[in-house]
């Protein structure tokens, strides 16, 4: 899965990017379902590594 596809999935789940906020230099997102903030990547065309994808989905409440 590419980061651009992941972002579409996150938006459908109700997550949204936090404007102007970053986590370790990466765009910050918020999940109202879990109440957690998490980072994604600036590289929309790159594939998400399996462990990273699993953690983002967990933080977003999609696992």
N, C-alpha and C. Protein backbone atom coordinates (compact mmCIF):
# COMPACT_ATOMS: atom_id res chain seq x y z
N UNK A 1 0.85 -1.18 0.00
CA UNK A 1 0.00 0.00 0.00
C UNK A 1 0.89 1.24 0.00
N UNK A 2 0.53 2.17 -0.82
CA UNK A 2 1.26 3.43 -0.89
C UNK A 2 0.72 4.40 0.17
N UNK A 3 1.55 5.38 0.54
CA UNK A 3 1.12 6.35 1.55
C UNK A 3 -0.10 7.14 1.08
N UNK A 4 -0.21 7.40 -0.21
CA UNK A 4 -1.38 8.13 -0.72
C UNK A 4 -2.65 7.29 -0.52
N UNK A 5 -2.57 5.99 -0.71
CA UNK A 5 -3.71 5.10 -0.49
C UNK A 5 -4.06 5.03 0.99
N UNK A 6 -3.03 5.00 1.82
CA UNK A 6 -3.24 4.97 3.27
C UNK A 6 -3.95 6.24 3.74
N UNK A 7 -3.56 7.38 3.21
CA UNK A 7 -4.20 8.64 3.59
C UNK A 7 -5.68 8.64 3.22
N UNK A 8 -6.02 8.10 2.06
CA UNK A 8 -7.44 8.01 1.67
C UNK A 8 -8.20 7.11 2.64
N UNK A 9 -7.60 6.00 3.04
CA UNK A 9 -8.22 5.08 3.99
C UNK A 9 -8.43 5.76 5.34
N UNK A 10 -7.43 6.52 5.78
CA UNK A 10 -7.53 7.23 7.06
C UNK A 10 -8.66 8.27 7.02
N UNK A 11 -8.75 8.99 5.93
CA UNK A 11 -9.81 10.01 5.80
C UNK A 11 -11.20 9.37 5.83
N UNK A 12 -11.36 8.23 5.16
CA UNK A 12 -12.64 7.53 5.16
C UNK A 12 -13.02 7.07 6.57
N UNK A 13 -12.00 6.78 7.39
CA UNK A 13 -12.23 6.32 8.76
C UNK A 13 -12.47 7.48 9.73
N UNK A 14 -12.40 8.72 9.23
CA UNK A 14 -12.66 9.87 10.08
C UNK A 14 -11.42 10.54 10.64
N UNK A 15 -10.25 10.01 10.32
CA UNK A 15 -9.00 10.63 10.77
C UNK A 15 -8.73 11.86 9.91
N UNK A 16 -7.95 12.79 10.47
CA UNK A 16 -7.64 13.99 9.70
C UNK A 16 -6.25 14.49 10.06
N UNK A 17 -5.59 15.14 9.08
CA UNK A 17 -4.25 15.69 9.34
C UNK A 17 -4.36 16.94 10.22
N UNK A 18 -3.39 17.11 11.08
CA UNK A 18 -3.33 18.28 11.96
C UNK A 18 -2.50 19.34 11.24
N UNK A 19 -3.15 20.37 10.77
CA UNK A 19 -2.51 21.43 9.99
C UNK A 19 -1.34 22.06 10.73
N UNK A 20 -0.19 22.06 10.07
CA UNK A 20 0.99 22.70 10.63
C UNK A 20 1.68 21.92 11.74
N UNK A 21 1.20 20.73 12.06
CA UNK A 21 1.81 19.92 13.12
C UNK A 21 2.61 18.78 12.51
N UNK A 22 3.72 18.44 13.16
CA UNK A 22 4.55 17.34 12.70
C UNK A 22 4.97 16.47 13.88
N UNK A 23 5.23 15.22 13.58
CA UNK A 23 5.78 14.27 14.56
C UNK A 23 7.07 13.74 13.96
N UNK A 24 8.19 14.10 14.55
CA UNK A 24 9.51 13.69 14.05
C UNK A 24 9.70 14.04 12.57
N UNK A 25 9.22 15.20 12.17
CA UNK A 25 9.39 15.66 10.80
C UNK A 25 8.39 15.10 9.81
N UNK A 26 7.39 14.38 10.29
CA UNK A 26 6.37 13.80 9.42
C UNK A 26 5.01 14.40 9.75
N UNK A 27 4.12 14.45 8.75
CA UNK A 27 2.79 15.02 9.00
C UNK A 27 2.06 14.30 10.13
N UNK A 28 1.47 15.08 11.03
CA UNK A 28 0.74 14.52 12.15
C UNK A 28 -0.73 14.34 11.79
N UNK A 29 -1.31 13.23 12.22
CA UNK A 29 -2.72 12.93 12.00
C UNK A 29 -3.36 12.66 13.36
N UNK A 30 -4.69 12.80 13.39
CA UNK A 30 -5.44 12.54 14.63
C UNK A 30 -6.59 11.59 14.33
N UNK A 31 -6.80 10.64 15.23
CA UNK A 31 -7.93 9.72 15.12
C UNK A 31 -8.92 10.00 16.23
N UNK A 32 -10.13 10.47 15.90
CA UNK A 32 -11.14 10.70 16.94
C UNK A 32 -11.61 9.40 17.58
N UNK A 33 -11.45 8.29 16.86
CA UNK A 33 -11.88 6.99 17.38
C UNK A 33 -11.01 6.55 18.56
N UNK A 34 -9.69 6.74 18.44
CA UNK A 34 -8.77 6.31 19.50
C UNK A 34 -8.27 7.47 20.35
N UNK A 35 -8.39 8.70 19.84
CA UNK A 35 -7.87 9.87 20.55
C UNK A 35 -6.36 9.99 20.45
N UNK A 36 -5.75 9.29 19.50
CA UNK A 36 -4.29 9.29 19.35
C UNK A 36 -3.86 10.16 18.18
N UNK A 37 -2.66 10.71 18.33
CA UNK A 37 -1.98 11.41 17.25
C UNK A 37 -0.91 10.46 16.73
N UNK A 38 -0.69 10.49 15.41
CA UNK A 38 0.32 9.63 14.81
C UNK A 38 0.85 10.28 13.55
N UNK A 39 2.00 9.85 13.12
CA UNK A 39 2.63 10.41 11.94
C UNK A 39 2.51 9.49 10.74
N UNK A 40 2.54 10.09 9.56
CA UNK A 40 2.59 9.31 8.32
C UNK A 40 3.87 9.71 7.59
N UNK A 41 3.82 9.95 6.30
CA UNK A 41 5.01 10.32 5.55
C UNK A 41 4.68 11.40 4.53
N UNK A 42 5.70 12.12 4.13
CA UNK A 42 5.56 13.13 3.07
C UNK A 42 5.65 12.50 1.68
N UNK A 43 6.02 11.23 1.61
CA UNK A 43 6.31 10.56 0.34
C UNK A 43 5.12 9.72 -0.10
N UNK A 44 4.14 10.36 -0.73
CA UNK A 44 2.88 9.73 -1.10
C UNK A 44 3.05 8.54 -2.03
N UNK A 45 4.09 8.53 -2.86
CA UNK A 45 4.24 7.46 -3.85
C UNK A 45 5.02 6.25 -3.34
N UNK A 46 5.55 6.31 -2.12
CA UNK A 46 6.31 5.19 -1.58
C UNK A 46 5.40 4.18 -0.89
N UNK A 47 5.85 2.91 -0.90
CA UNK A 47 5.12 1.87 -0.19
C UNK A 47 5.35 2.01 1.31
N UNK A 48 4.31 1.71 2.09
CA UNK A 48 4.40 1.73 3.55
C UNK A 48 4.96 0.39 4.00
N UNK A 49 5.99 0.41 4.84
CA UNK A 49 6.56 -0.84 5.34
C UNK A 49 5.51 -1.54 6.21
N UNK A 50 5.50 -2.87 6.20
CA UNK A 50 4.46 -3.63 6.92
C UNK A 50 4.33 -3.27 8.40
N UNK A 51 5.43 -3.14 9.11
CA UNK A 51 5.36 -2.81 10.53
C UNK A 51 4.83 -1.40 10.76
N UNK A 52 5.23 -0.48 9.91
CA UNK A 52 4.75 0.89 10.00
C UNK A 52 3.26 0.95 9.72
N UNK A 53 2.83 0.24 8.69
CA UNK A 53 1.41 0.20 8.34
C UNK A 53 0.59 -0.35 9.50
N UNK A 54 1.06 -1.43 10.11
CA UNK A 54 0.34 -2.04 11.22
C UNK A 54 0.19 -1.06 12.38
N UNK A 55 1.25 -0.33 12.71
CA UNK A 55 1.21 0.62 13.80
C UNK A 55 0.27 1.79 13.50
N UNK A 56 0.31 2.30 12.28
CA UNK A 56 -0.58 3.41 11.91
C UNK A 56 -2.04 2.97 11.97
N UNK A 57 -2.32 1.78 11.44
CA UNK A 57 -3.70 1.28 11.50
C UNK A 57 -4.17 1.07 12.93
N UNK A 58 -3.27 0.62 13.80
CA UNK A 58 -3.61 0.44 15.22
C UNK A 58 -3.90 1.80 15.87
N UNK A 59 -3.03 2.78 15.63
CA UNK A 59 -3.23 4.11 16.20
C UNK A 59 -4.51 4.77 15.68
N UNK A 60 -4.89 4.45 14.44
CA UNK A 60 -6.10 5.01 13.84
C UNK A 60 -7.36 4.25 14.25
N UNK A 61 -7.19 3.10 14.90
CA UNK A 61 -8.34 2.30 15.30
C UNK A 61 -8.88 1.44 14.17
N UNK A 62 -8.03 1.11 13.21
CA UNK A 62 -8.46 0.31 12.06
C UNK A 62 -7.90 -1.10 12.05
N UNK A 63 -7.29 -1.52 13.13
CA UNK A 63 -6.69 -2.87 13.15
C UNK A 63 -7.68 -3.96 13.41
